[in-house]
Structures are given as structure tokens and as C-alpha cells.
């Protein structure tokens, strides 16, 4: 985790913002002509990674898609706009928020269709974790998202501990069962 001094600076949320636009084609849709959920998740992951790259200035890997809300369907022919930014930077990981809108190309109507939170980890070319710069939220909305990201991280950590404990208990039961058999 030895980083050049230039990489340990503090970056703003604005410096991480990324945007991507896609047109929804037949290959992107299901039999009803709606965007496939997995395809939308792929677009969200790409846009989120762009923000994480901008913040960390190194390779990033997706560690979690913490939450996703599919709000409305996206239709064949719609223009999809995804916007992302880093909500909070930790030691080697970053939470990124992604918001998605669909534009009806015939009417011009734009609607919010999805939102997601993802966690990316900064790594070097060998897959070793790398430190990331601190993040400085500036606006009231950025400050709120920064605080919310910490709460989501604490919730993830509690859930990880609960699941680890549950797996250990199940493994112990399996050993007991195997010894009796």
C-alpha cells in the first residue's frame, strides 16, 4: 500500500462524478420490450466503476452491490442516462452511488428508473489492496450521502459478522452429524 504522495490527496465528490448514456436496443430487452434487469445492473456497475477509478486513480474491483431499487421499467428505444459519484472513501474501499434515468425519445419525458449503491476496492496490477484518497463532501447533499454511506458500511459489517457466525454454527453441526453417521 505504498502510494506516491500525489495519490494521498483529498478529492472532492465532484471530481469523481461520471455519466454514461445508452440507447436500449432489442438485444438489451426481454420479451415484453423492457430492459433486462441484469443488463441494467451491468450498466450500473460500469458507471460506478468510472467514479471509483476517478477517485482512486488505480484499478478497482466490485466488492458489493449493496442495494438496488428498480423503480420503473425501461423500454426499447429509451435513452438511459446513468450518473455516479463516490459517496465515501474508506481505507481501500469506496461506496459509489448510481442514479439512473430513462428518456422517452419520442416524447422527451425523463423519469427516474433506478438507484444503487456499490462498493469498490482499489487494487494494484497484482490484485493487492491499495489505499485511496480521502473524500471531501462539500454540499449538504454530499455531506448527507457521506454520513449515510458510513451507516450502510456498519450495517454490512454487522450482517457479515452474523453470516460468518451462522456459517460456523452450521459447519459445527455438520461435523457433529458426520461423526454420528
Protein backbone atom coordinates (compact mmCIF):
# COMPACT_ATOMS: atom_id res chain seq x y z
CA UNK A 1 0.00 0.00 0.00
CA UNK A 2 2.87 2.36 -0.66
CA UNK A 3 1.39 5.23 -2.58
CA UNK A 4 3.07 8.24 -4.17
CA UNK A 5 2.32 11.42 -2.22
CA UNK A 6 0.18 12.74 -5.10
CA UNK A 7 -2.25 9.82 -4.62
CA UNK A 8 -2.85 10.53 -0.92
CA UNK A 9 -4.58 13.83 -1.51
CA UNK A 10 -8.13 14.69 -0.67
CA UNK A 11 -10.54 14.64 -3.58
CA UNK A 12 -13.99 16.17 -3.92
CA UNK A 13 -17.17 14.33 -4.79
CA UNK A 14 -17.48 16.50 -7.90
CA UNK A 15 -14.11 15.19 -9.17
CA UNK A 16 -15.49 11.63 -9.11
CA UNK A 17 -18.75 12.27 -10.97
CA UNK A 18 -19.27 10.13 -14.06
CA UNK A 19 -22.05 9.86 -16.59
CA UNK A 20 -22.94 7.31 -19.25
CA UNK A 21 -25.75 7.23 -21.80
CA UNK A 22 -27.01 4.16 -23.66
CA UNK A 23 -29.81 3.57 -26.13
CA UNK A 24 -31.87 0.49 -25.31
CA UNK A 25 -31.78 -1.92 -28.25
CA UNK A 26 -33.64 -5.20 -28.85
CA UNK A 27 -30.70 -7.26 -27.56
CA UNK A 28 -30.99 -5.43 -24.20
CA UNK A 29 -34.67 -6.30 -23.64
CA UNK A 30 -36.90 -9.13 -22.50
CA UNK A 31 -39.94 -10.48 -24.39
CA UNK A 32 -42.02 -7.53 -23.16
CA UNK A 33 -39.63 -5.00 -24.69
CA UNK A 34 -38.30 -3.89 -21.28
CA UNK A 35 -34.63 -3.56 -20.36
CA UNK A 36 -33.32 -6.72 -18.69
CA UNK A 37 -32.52 -6.19 -15.00
CA UNK A 38 -29.12 -7.85 -15.37
CA UNK A 39 -28.24 -5.57 -18.26
CA UNK A 40 -29.19 -2.54 -16.15
CA UNK A 41 -27.01 -3.89 -13.33
CA UNK A 42 -24.13 -4.18 -15.83
CA UNK A 43 -24.57 -0.52 -16.86
CA UNK A 44 -24.74 0.49 -13.17
CA UNK A 45 -21.53 -1.43 -12.41
CA UNK A 46 -19.69 0.22 -15.30
CA UNK A 47 -20.79 3.72 -14.36
CA UNK A 48 -19.98 3.12 -10.70
CA UNK A 49 -16.53 1.84 -11.62
CA UNK A 50 -15.86 5.04 -13.58
CA UNK A 51 -16.42 7.13 -10.44
CA UNK A 52 -14.26 4.77 -8.36
CA UNK A 53 -11.45 4.95 -10.94
CA UNK A 54 -11.63 8.74 -10.95
CA UNK A 55 -11.30 8.82 -7.19
CA UNK A 56 -8.66 6.12 -6.66
CA UNK A 57 -6.63 6.53 -9.88
CA UNK A 58 -5.88 2.80 -9.81
CA UNK A 59 -7.60 -0.45 -10.74
CA UNK A 60 -10.86 -1.14 -8.93
CA UNK A 61 -12.93 -4.27 -8.41
CA UNK A 62 -16.58 -4.50 -7.48
CA UNK A 63 -16.87 -5.85 -3.93
CA UNK A 64 -20.63 -5.49 -3.45
CA UNK A 65 -23.79 -4.13 -4.95
CA UNK A 66 -25.15 -3.10 -1.60
CA UNK A 67 -28.58 -2.02 -2.68
CA UNK A 68 -30.53 -1.54 -5.88
CA UNK A 69 -34.02 -0.21 -6.45
CA UNK A 70 -35.72 -0.94 -9.77
CA UNK A 71 -38.33 1.82 -9.78
CA UNK A 72 -39.83 1.72 -13.28
CA UNK A 73 -39.31 -0.32 -16.43
CA UNK A 74 -37.07 0.98 -19.19
CA UNK A 75 -38.43 0.43 -22.68
CA UNK A 76 -36.96 -0.48 -26.03
CA UNK A 77 -35.72 2.71 -27.71
CA UNK A 78 -35.37 4.72 -24.49
CA UNK A 79 -32.18 6.63 -23.78
CA UNK A 80 -30.73 5.55 -20.46
CA UNK A 81 -28.61 8.06 -18.51
CA UNK A 82 -26.60 6.87 -15.52
CA UNK A 83 -24.81 9.24 -13.14
CA UNK A 84 -22.42 8.17 -10.42
CA UNK A 85 -20.18 9.64 -7.75
CA UNK A 86 -18.23 8.41 -4.76
CA UNK A 87 -20.27 8.85 -1.57
CA UNK A 88 -17.48 7.96 0.87
CA UNK A 89 -13.91 6.68 0.76
CA UNK A 90 -12.61 4.36 3.45
CA UNK A 91 -9.08 2.91 3.63
CA UNK A 92 -9.06 0.84 0.43
CA UNK A 93 -12.76 0.82 -0.48
CA UNK A 94 -15.26 3.35 -1.74
CA UNK A 95 -19.04 3.47 -1.73
CA UNK A 96 -20.43 4.76 -5.02
CA UNK A 97 -23.99 5.89 -5.64
CA UNK A 98 -25.55 5.50 -9.09
CA UNK A 99 -28.80 7.07 -10.21
CA UNK A 100 -30.49 6.11 -13.48
CA UNK A 101 -32.99 7.98 -15.69
CA UNK A 102 -34.78 6.90 -18.86
CA UNK A 103 -35.79 9.32 -21.59
CA UNK A 104 -38.59 8.51 -23.98
CA UNK A 105 -37.09 9.54 -27.31
CA UNK A 106 -40.50 10.34 -28.83
CA UNK A 107 -41.99 12.46 -26.03
CA UNK A 108 -38.84 13.70 -24.28
CA UNK A 109 -40.22 12.59 -20.89
CA UNK A 110 -37.43 11.74 -18.43
CA UNK A 111 -38.13 9.53 -15.40
CA UNK A 112 -36.02 8.18 -12.56
CA UNK A 113 -35.90 4.39 -13.08
CA UNK A 114 -33.27 3.00 -10.68
CA UNK A 115 -30.77 3.77 -7.93
CA UNK A 116 -27.97 1.66 -6.49
CA UNK A 117 -25.09 1.65 -4.02
CA UNK A 118 -21.94 -0.27 -4.84
CA UNK A 119 -18.68 -0.89 -3.02
CA UNK A 120 -15.43 -0.91 -4.98
CA UNK A 121 -11.98 -1.84 -3.70
CA UNK A 122 -8.83 -0.26 -5.11
CA UNK A 123 -6.18 -2.78 -6.14
CA UNK A 124 -2.82 -2.77 -7.89
CA UNK A 125 -1.99 -4.80 -11.00
CA UNK A 126 -1.42 -7.87 -8.79
CA UNK A 127 -4.77 -7.59 -7.02
CA UNK A 128 -3.33 -6.23 -3.76
CA UNK A 129 -5.46 -3.63 -1.98
CA UNK A 130 -4.37 -0.03 -2.38
CA UNK A 131 -5.08 2.99 -0.20
CA UNK A 132 -7.48 5.53 -1.66
CA UNK A 133 -7.51 9.31 -1.18
CA UNK A 134 -9.85 10.82 1.36
CA UNK A 135 -13.12 12.27 0.08
CA UNK A 136 -14.28 15.75 0.97
CA UNK A 137 -18.04 16.25 0.67
CA UNK A 138 -18.90 19.90 0.04
CA UNK A 139 -22.65 20.35 -0.44
CA UNK A 140 -25.38 19.47 2.09
CA UNK A 141 -26.47 16.56 -0.15
CA UNK A 142 -22.89 15.24 -0.40
CA UNK A 143 -22.48 15.53 3.40
CA UNK A 144 -25.73 13.58 3.93
CA UNK A 145 -24.68 10.85 1.45
CA UNK A 146 -21.25 10.69 3.14
CA UNK A 147 -22.88 10.05 6.55
CA UNK A 148 -25.40 7.57 5.09
CA UNK A 149 -22.54 5.61 3.49
CA UNK A 150 -20.96 5.07 6.91
CA UNK A 151 -24.26 3.73 8.28
CA UNK A 152 -24.56 1.33 5.32
CA UNK A 153 -20.97 0.14 5.88
CA UNK A 154 -21.65 -0.50 9.58
CA UNK A 155 -24.79 -2.45 8.61
CA UNK A 156 -22.78 -4.52 6.06
CA UNK A 157 -20.17 -5.31 8.71
CA UNK A 158 -22.83 -6.42 11.23
CA UNK A 159 -24.50 -8.59 8.59
CA UNK A 160 -21.15 -10.11 7.54
CA UNK A 161 -20.42 -11.00 11.19
CA UNK A 162 -23.88 -12.53 11.60
CA UNK A 163 -23.48 -14.63 8.45
CA UNK A 164 -19.97 -15.74 9.45
CA UNK A 165 -21.29 -16.84 12.85
CA UNK A 166 -24.18 -18.68 11.16
CA UNK A 167 -21.79 -20.49 8.77
CA UNK A 168 -19.57 -21.53 11.69
CA UNK A 169 -22.57 -22.89 13.61
CA UNK A 170 -23.75 -24.80 10.54
CA UNK A 171 -20.26 -26.21 9.97
CA UNK A 172 -20.10 -27.37 13.60
CA UNK A 173 -23.49 -29.09 13.21
CA UNK A 174 -22.28 -30.78 10.02
CA UNK A 175 -19.20 -32.15 11.80
CA UNK A 176 -21.36 -33.43 14.66
CA UNK A 177 -23.76 -35.05 12.19
CA UNK A 178 -20.89 -36.66 10.23
CA UNK A 179 -19.33 -38.03 13.43
CA UNK A 180 -22.63 -39.69 14.38
CA UNK A 181 -23.10 -41.26 10.96
